[in-house]
Amino acid sequence: MMAQSLDNEQLRLEENQLREQVTALSVEQKRQYYAQELQQIKDPDTYAALNWAFIAGLHHFYLGKWQRGLINLALMFTGLLFYFSGLFTLFGAALVLLVFIIELPQLFNSKNVIHSYNNQLMKTLLKQFDQ
């Protein structure tokens, strides 16, 4: 719990520093920045809902991590296929459980995952205005 609080604090500090940089932009640059930020910013609740409802990796697609999302979907689909085929039921259940174990921390840490993603987005957008 202490490590998570530290992460939260670090992320908030980083966001505040980035917001100060946005404040220093000209009026036109701020308009451009906020227009782009509004289109690209991600919501932690959406990420958590996708992770909770579809543990198979749809939350990775939400962040544009296609490769990881496809790997998760493939493992989940393969596990379910083996499980319901009756041939390798234990192996199928193990694959599904593996995906679940790997993705569970993402669910409980969704706010920090998205906060970090959004901070990185802010950095990327701000680089456009560096002189």
N, C-alpha and C. Protein backbone atom coordinates (compact mmCIF):
# COMPACT_ATOMS: atom_id res chain seq x y z
N MET A 1 0.82 -1.20 0.00
CA MET A 1 0.00 0.00 0.00
C MET A 1 0.86 1.25 0.00
N MET A 2 1.96 1.22 0.74
CA MET A 2 2.85 2.36 0.81
C MET A 2 3.47 2.67 -0.55
N ALA A 3 3.87 1.62 -1.28
CA ALA A 3 4.47 1.81 -2.60
C ALA A 3 3.46 2.43 -3.56
N GLN A 4 2.21 2.01 -3.47
CA GLN A 4 1.19 2.57 -4.34
C GLN A 4 0.96 4.04 -4.02
N SER A 5 0.96 4.42 -2.73
CA SER A 5 0.81 5.81 -2.35
C SER A 5 1.95 6.64 -2.90
N LEU A 6 3.15 6.09 -2.85
CA LEU A 6 4.32 6.77 -3.38
C LEU A 6 4.16 6.95 -4.89
N ASP A 7 3.71 5.92 -5.58
CA ASP A 7 3.48 6.03 -7.01
C ASP A 7 2.43 7.10 -7.31
N ASN A 8 1.35 7.11 -6.53
CA ASN A 8 0.31 8.11 -6.70
C ASN A 8 0.89 9.51 -6.55
N GLU A 9 1.70 9.69 -5.52
CA GLU A 9 2.29 11.00 -5.24
C GLU A 9 3.24 11.40 -6.37
N GLN A 10 4.07 10.48 -6.82
CA GLN A 10 4.99 10.77 -7.92
C GLN A 10 4.23 11.14 -9.19
N LEU A 11 3.17 10.42 -9.48
CA LEU A 11 2.37 10.70 -10.66
C LEU A 11 1.70 12.07 -10.56
N ARG A 12 1.19 12.40 -9.38
CA ARG A 12 0.56 13.72 -9.18
C ARG A 12 1.59 14.84 -9.33
N LEU A 13 2.76 14.63 -8.76
CA LEU A 13 3.84 15.63 -8.88
C LEU A 13 4.22 15.85 -10.34
N GLU A 14 4.39 14.74 -11.05
CA GLU A 14 4.74 14.82 -12.46
C GLU A 14 3.64 15.54 -13.25
N GLU A 15 2.38 15.21 -12.96
CA GLU A 15 1.27 15.86 -13.66
C GLU A 15 1.25 17.36 -13.36
N ASN A 16 1.48 17.74 -12.11
CA ASN A 16 1.49 19.16 -11.75
C ASN A 16 2.60 19.90 -12.50
N GLN A 17 3.76 19.29 -12.62
CA GLN A 17 4.86 19.92 -13.37
C GLN A 17 4.49 20.07 -14.84
N LEU A 18 3.84 19.06 -15.39
CA LEU A 18 3.41 19.14 -16.78
C LEU A 18 2.34 20.21 -16.97
N ARG A 19 1.41 20.31 -16.03
CA ARG A 19 0.36 21.34 -16.10
C ARG A 19 0.97 22.74 -16.04
N GLU A 20 2.03 22.90 -15.26
CA GLU A 20 2.72 24.19 -15.21
C GLU A 20 3.32 24.54 -16.57
N GLN A 21 3.85 23.53 -17.26
CA GLN A 21 4.39 23.76 -18.61
C GLN A 21 3.28 24.15 -19.58
N VAL A 22 2.12 23.54 -19.42
CA VAL A 22 0.98 23.89 -20.28
C VAL A 22 0.57 25.34 -20.01
N THR A 23 0.58 25.74 -18.76
CA THR A 23 0.21 27.11 -18.39
C THR A 23 1.14 28.13 -19.04
N ALA A 24 2.39 27.76 -19.24
CA ALA A 24 3.37 28.67 -19.84
C ALA A 24 3.21 28.82 -21.36
N LEU A 25 2.39 27.99 -21.98
CA LEU A 25 2.18 28.08 -23.42
C LEU A 25 1.39 29.34 -23.77
N SER A 26 1.52 29.76 -25.03
CA SER A 26 0.72 30.89 -25.50
C SER A 26 -0.74 30.45 -25.58
N VAL A 27 -1.62 31.42 -25.76
CA VAL A 27 -3.06 31.13 -25.83
C VAL A 27 -3.35 30.17 -26.99
N GLU A 28 -2.75 30.42 -28.15
CA GLU A 28 -2.97 29.56 -29.31
C GLU A 28 -2.40 28.16 -29.09
N GLN A 29 -1.23 28.08 -28.48
CA GLN A 29 -0.63 26.78 -28.19
C GLN A 29 -1.48 26.00 -27.19
N LYS A 30 -2.02 26.69 -26.20
CA LYS A 30 -2.90 26.03 -25.22
C LYS A 30 -4.13 25.47 -25.92
N ARG A 31 -4.69 26.25 -26.83
CA ARG A 31 -5.87 25.79 -27.56
C ARG A 31 -5.55 24.52 -28.34
N GLN A 32 -4.42 24.52 -29.03
CA GLN A 32 -4.01 23.34 -29.79
C GLN A 32 -3.73 22.16 -28.85
N TYR A 33 -3.03 22.44 -27.76
CA TYR A 33 -2.69 21.39 -26.80
C TYR A 33 -3.96 20.74 -26.25
N TYR A 34 -4.88 21.55 -25.74
CA TYR A 34 -6.09 21.00 -25.11
C TYR A 34 -6.98 20.27 -26.11
N ALA A 35 -7.01 20.73 -27.36
CA ALA A 35 -7.79 20.03 -28.38
C ALA A 35 -7.24 18.62 -28.60
N GLN A 36 -5.92 18.50 -28.64
CA GLN A 36 -5.31 17.19 -28.82
C GLN A 36 -5.44 16.33 -27.57
N GLU A 37 -5.24 16.94 -26.41
CA GLU A 37 -5.34 16.18 -25.16
C GLU A 37 -6.75 15.61 -24.99
N LEU A 38 -7.74 16.42 -25.28
CA LEU A 38 -9.13 15.97 -25.14
C LEU A 38 -9.43 14.75 -26.00
N GLN A 39 -8.84 14.70 -27.19
CA GLN A 39 -9.07 13.57 -28.10
C GLN A 39 -8.35 12.30 -27.66
N GLN A 40 -7.20 12.46 -26.98
CA GLN A 40 -6.34 11.31 -26.74
C GLN A 40 -6.28 10.83 -25.29
N ILE A 41 -6.76 11.62 -24.36
CA ILE A 41 -6.66 11.26 -22.94
C ILE A 41 -7.52 10.02 -22.66
N LYS A 42 -7.07 9.20 -21.74
CA LYS A 42 -7.77 7.95 -21.42
C LYS A 42 -8.39 8.03 -20.02
N ASP A 43 -9.48 7.29 -19.86
CA ASP A 43 -10.24 7.27 -18.61
C ASP A 43 -9.94 5.99 -17.83
N PRO A 44 -9.53 6.11 -16.56
CA PRO A 44 -9.21 4.90 -15.78
C PRO A 44 -10.41 3.99 -15.57
N ASP A 45 -11.60 4.54 -15.49
CA ASP A 45 -12.79 3.71 -15.29
C ASP A 45 -13.08 2.85 -16.52
N THR A 46 -12.90 3.42 -17.71
CA THR A 46 -13.09 2.65 -18.94
C THR A 46 -12.07 1.52 -19.01
N TYR A 47 -10.82 1.84 -18.67
CA TYR A 47 -9.75 0.84 -18.67
C TYR A 47 -10.08 -0.28 -17.70
N ALA A 48 -10.50 0.08 -16.49
CA ALA A 48 -10.83 -0.92 -15.47
C ALA A 48 -12.03 -1.76 -15.90
N ALA A 49 -13.03 -1.13 -16.49
CA ALA A 49 -14.23 -1.86 -16.94
C ALA A 49 -13.86 -2.87 -18.04
N LEU A 50 -13.02 -2.45 -18.98
CA LEU A 50 -12.59 -3.38 -20.03
C LEU A 50 -11.79 -4.53 -19.45
N ASN A 51 -10.97 -4.24 -18.46
CA ASN A 51 -10.17 -5.29 -17.82
C ASN A 51 -11.08 -6.23 -17.03
N TRP A 52 -12.02 -5.68 -16.30
CA TRP A 52 -12.90 -6.50 -15.46
C TRP A 52 -13.84 -7.36 -16.30
N ALA A 53 -14.49 -6.74 -17.27
CA ALA A 53 -15.49 -7.46 -18.06
C ALA A 53 -14.85 -8.41 -19.07
N PHE A 54 -13.71 -8.03 -19.60
CA PHE A 54 -13.06 -8.82 -20.64
C PHE A 54 -11.60 -9.01 -20.27
N ILE A 55 -11.35 -9.81 -19.29
CA ILE A 55 -10.00 -10.03 -18.77
C ILE A 55 -9.05 -10.46 -19.88
N ALA A 56 -9.59 -10.80 -21.03
CA ALA A 56 -8.79 -11.33 -22.14
C ALA A 56 -7.86 -10.31 -22.77
N GLY A 57 -7.87 -9.07 -22.36
CA GLY A 57 -6.89 -8.12 -22.86
C GLY A 57 -7.42 -6.94 -23.64
N LEU A 58 -8.72 -6.72 -23.65
CA LEU A 58 -9.25 -5.59 -24.41
C LEU A 58 -8.77 -4.25 -23.88
N HIS A 59 -8.42 -4.20 -22.60
CA HIS A 59 -7.92 -2.95 -22.02
C HIS A 59 -6.59 -2.55 -22.66
N HIS A 60 -5.83 -3.51 -23.18
CA HIS A 60 -4.58 -3.18 -23.86
C HIS A 60 -4.87 -2.48 -25.20
N PHE A 61 -5.90 -2.90 -25.88
CA PHE A 61 -6.28 -2.24 -27.13
C PHE A 61 -6.68 -0.79 -26.85
N TYR A 62 -7.33 -0.54 -25.74
CA TYR A 62 -7.75 0.81 -25.35
C TYR A 62 -6.55 1.75 -25.26
N LEU A 63 -5.40 1.22 -24.84
CA LEU A 63 -4.19 2.03 -24.73
C LEU A 63 -3.31 1.95 -25.98
N GLY A 64 -3.79 1.24 -27.00
CA GLY A 64 -3.03 1.14 -28.23
C GLY A 64 -1.92 0.10 -28.18
N LYS A 65 -1.95 -0.78 -27.20
CA LYS A 65 -0.94 -1.85 -27.08
C LYS A 65 -1.48 -3.10 -27.76
N TRP A 66 -1.48 -3.06 -29.09
CA TRP A 66 -2.10 -4.12 -29.88
C TRP A 66 -1.42 -5.47 -29.70
N GLN A 67 -0.11 -5.48 -29.66
CA GLN A 67 0.61 -6.75 -29.56
C GLN A 67 0.25 -7.48 -28.26
N ARG A 68 0.29 -6.76 -27.16
CA ARG A 68 -0.04 -7.40 -25.87
C ARG A 68 -1.50 -7.83 -25.84
N GLY A 69 -2.38 -7.01 -26.39
CA GLY A 69 -3.78 -7.37 -26.45
C GLY A 69 -4.02 -8.63 -27.26
N LEU A 70 -3.35 -8.73 -28.41
CA LEU A 70 -3.50 -9.93 -29.26
C LEU A 70 -2.96 -11.17 -28.57
N ILE A 71 -1.84 -11.03 -27.87
CA ILE A 71 -1.28 -12.18 -27.15
C ILE A 71 -2.26 -12.65 -26.08
N ASN A 72 -2.81 -11.71 -25.32
CA ASN A 72 -3.78 -12.07 -24.28
C ASN A 72 -5.01 -12.75 -24.88
N LEU A 73 -5.54 -12.18 -25.96
CA LEU A 73 -6.72 -12.77 -26.60
C LEU A 73 -6.41 -14.18 -27.11
N ALA A 74 -5.24 -14.34 -27.71
CA ALA A 74 -4.87 -15.66 -28.24
C ALA A 74 -4.75 -16.68 -27.11
N LEU A 75 -4.09 -16.30 -26.03
CA LEU A 75 -3.95 -17.22 -24.90
C LEU A 75 -5.32 -17.56 -24.29
N MET A 76 -6.16 -16.55 -24.12
CA MET A 76 -7.48 -16.78 -23.53
C MET A 76 -8.33 -17.67 -24.45
N PHE A 77 -8.34 -17.35 -25.75
CA PHE A 77 -9.12 -18.15 -26.70
C PHE A 77 -8.61 -19.59 -26.75
N THR A 78 -7.29 -19.76 -26.80
CA THR A 78 -6.70 -21.11 -26.83
C THR A 78 -7.06 -21.88 -25.56
N GLY A 79 -6.96 -21.21 -24.41
CA GLY A 79 -7.30 -21.85 -23.15
C GLY A 79 -8.75 -22.28 -23.11
N LEU A 80 -9.65 -21.41 -23.56
CA LEU A 80 -11.08 -21.75 -23.57
C LEU A 80 -11.37 -22.88 -24.56
N LEU A 81 -10.69 -22.84 -25.70
CA LEU A 81 -10.87 -23.89 -26.70
C LEU A 81 -10.45 -25.25 -26.14
N PHE A 82 -9.29 -25.30 -25.51
CA PHE A 82 -8.82 -26.55 -24.89
C PHE A 82 -9.75 -26.99 -23.75
N TYR A 83 -10.17 -26.03 -22.96
CA TYR A 83 -11.02 -26.36 -21.81
C TYR A 83 -12.34 -26.98 -22.26
N PHE A 84 -13.01 -26.34 -23.22
CA PHE A 84 -14.33 -26.82 -23.63
C PHE A 84 -14.26 -27.99 -24.62
N SER A 85 -13.10 -28.24 -25.22
CA SER A 85 -12.98 -29.38 -26.13
C SER A 85 -12.95 -30.69 -25.36
N GLY A 86 -12.53 -30.62 -24.11
CA GLY A 86 -12.46 -31.82 -23.30
C GLY A 86 -11.18 -32.60 -23.48
N LEU A 87 -10.36 -32.21 -24.45
CA LEU A 87 -9.11 -32.93 -24.70
C LEU A 87 -8.02 -32.58 -23.68
N PHE A 88 -7.82 -31.32 -23.51
CA PHE A 88 -6.78 -30.84 -22.59
C PHE A 88 -7.41 -29.86 -21.61
N THR A 89 -8.40 -30.30 -20.87
CA THR A 89 -9.17 -29.43 -19.97
C THR A 89 -8.28 -28.74 -18.95
N LEU A 90 -7.38 -29.48 -18.34
CA LEU A 90 -6.50 -28.90 -17.32
C LEU A 90 -5.57 -27.86 -17.92
N PHE A 91 -5.02 -28.17 -19.10
CA PHE A 91 -4.14 -27.22 -19.78
C PHE A 91 -4.90 -25.95 -20.15
N GLY A 92 -6.11 -26.11 -20.64
CA GLY A 92 -6.95 -24.95 -21.00
C GLY A 92 -7.25 -24.09 -19.80
N ALA A 93 -7.62 -24.73 -18.69
CA ALA A 93 -7.90 -23.98 -17.46
C ALA A 93 -6.65 -23.26 -16.98
N ALA A 94 -5.48 -23.90 -17.12
CA ALA A 94 -4.22 -23.29 -16.70
C ALA A 94 -3.91 -22.05 -17.54
N LEU A 95 -4.17 -22.11 -18.84
CA LEU A 95 -3.94 -20.93 -19.69
C LEU A 95 -4.84 -19.77 -19.31
N VAL A 96 -6.11 -20.05 -19.09
CA VAL A 96 -7.05 -19.01 -18.69
C VAL A 96 -6.63 -18.42 -17.34
N LEU A 97 -6.24 -19.28 -16.42
CA LEU A 97 -5.79 -18.82 -15.10
C LEU A 97 -4.52 -17.98 -15.22
N LEU A 98 -3.63 -18.36 -16.10
CA LEU A 98 -2.40 -17.60 -16.32
C LEU A 98 -2.71 -16.18 -16.78
N VAL A 99 -3.59 -16.04 -17.75
CA VAL A 99 -3.98 -14.72 -18.24
C VAL A 99 -4.60 -13.92 -17.10
N PHE A 100 -5.46 -14.57 -16.33
CA PHE A 100 -6.12 -13.91 -15.21
C PHE A 100 -5.09 -13.40 -14.19
N ILE A 101 -4.12 -14.24 -13.85
CA ILE A 101 -3.10 -13.86 -12.86
C ILE A 101 -2.24 -12.71 -13.37
N ILE A 102 -1.91 -12.74 -14.64
CA ILE A 102 -1.09 -11.68 -15.23
C ILE A 102 -1.86 -10.36 -15.27
N GLU A 103 -3.14 -10.42 -15.57
CA GLU A 103 -3.92 -9.20 -15.76
C GLU A 103 -4.56 -8.65 -14.49
N LEU A 104 -4.68 -9.45 -13.46
CA LEU A 104 -5.31 -8.99 -12.22
C LEU A 104 -4.64 -7.75 -11.63
N PRO A 105 -3.31 -7.69 -11.56
CA PRO A 105 -2.68 -6.47 -11.03
C PRO A 105 -3.02 -5.22 -11.85
N GLN A 106 -3.21 -5.40 -13.17
CA GLN A 106 -3.59 -4.27 -14.01
C GLN A 106 -4.94 -3.70 -13.57
N LEU A 107 -5.83 -4.58 -13.18
CA LEU A 107 -7.15 -4.15 -12.74
C LEU A 107 -7.06 -3.32 -11.46
N PHE A 108 -6.31 -3.83 -10.50
CA PHE A 108 -6.21 -3.14 -9.21
C PHE A 108 -5.34 -1.89 -9.28
N ASN A 109 -4.55 -1.76 -10.32
CA ASN A 109 -3.66 -0.62 -10.46
C ASN A 109 -4.08 0.27 -11.63
N SER A 110 -5.34 0.16 -12.05
CA SER A 110 -5.79 0.85 -13.27
C SER A 110 -5.64 2.36 -13.18
N LYS A 111 -5.89 2.94 -12.03
CA LYS A 111 -5.76 4.40 -11.91
C LYS A 111 -4.32 4.85 -12.16
N ASN A 112 -3.35 4.13 -11.60
CA ASN A 112 -1.95 4.49 -11.81
C ASN A 112 -1.51 4.21 -13.25
N VAL A 113 -1.99 3.11 -13.83
CA VAL A 113 -1.64 2.79 -15.21
C VAL A 113 -2.10 3.91 -16.13
N ILE A 114 -3.34 4.35 -15.96
CA ILE A 114 -3.88 5.40 -16.81
C ILE A 114 -3.26 6.75 -16.48
N HIS A 115 -3.03 7.02 -15.21
CA HIS A 115 -2.38 8.28 -14.83
C HIS A 115 -1.00 8.38 -15.49
N SER A 116 -0.24 7.30 -15.45
CA SER A 116 1.07 7.27 -16.09
C SER A 116 0.94 7.43 -17.61
N TYR A 117 -0.02 6.74 -18.20
CA TYR A 117 -0.26 6.86 -19.64
C TYR A 117 -0.58 8.31 -20.01
N ASN A 118 -1.48 8.92 -19.25
CA ASN A 118 -1.88 10.30 -19.54
C ASN A 118 -0.73 11.28 -19.34
N ASN A 119 0.12 11.04 -18.34
CA ASN A 119 1.29 11.89 -18.14
C ASN A 119 2.23 11.78 -19.34
N GLN A 120 2.43 10.56 -19.84
CA GLN A 120 3.27 10.37 -21.01
C GLN A 120 2.66 11.07 -22.23
N LEU A 121 1.36 11.01 -22.34
CA LEU A 121 0.67 11.71 -23.42
C LEU A 121 0.92 13.20 -23.33
N MET A 122 0.81 13.76 -22.12
CA MET A 122 1.05 15.19 -21.93
C MET A 122 2.47 15.56 -22.35
N LYS A 123 3.46 14.73 -21.97
CA LYS A 123 4.85 14.99 -22.35
C LYS A 123 5.00 15.01 -23.87
N THR A 124 4.37 14.04 -24.52
CA THR A 124 4.45 13.94 -25.98
C THR A 124 3.82 15.17 -26.63
N LEU A 125 2.67 15.58 -26.14
CA LEU A 125 1.99 16.74 -26.71
C LEU A 125 2.80 18.01 -26.47
N LEU A 126 3.39 18.15 -25.29
CA LEU A 126 4.18 19.33 -24.98
C LEU A 126 5.44 19.45 -25.84
N LYS A 127 5.99 18.32 -26.25
CA LYS A 127 7.20 18.33 -27.10
C LYS A 127 6.94 19.06 -28.42
N GLN A 128 5.69 19.07 -28.88
CA GLN A 128 5.36 19.75 -30.11
C GLN A 128 5.60 21.25 -30.01
N PHE A 129 5.55 21.76 -28.79
CA PHE A 129 5.64 23.21 -28.59
C PHE A 129 7.01 23.66 -28.08
N ASP A 130 7.95 22.73 -27.98
CA ASP A 130 9.32 23.10 -27.59
C ASP A 130 9.94 23.95 -28.69
N GLN A 131 10.63 24.95 -28.27
CA GLN A 131 11.26 25.87 -29.23
C GLN A 131 12.70 25.53 -29.44
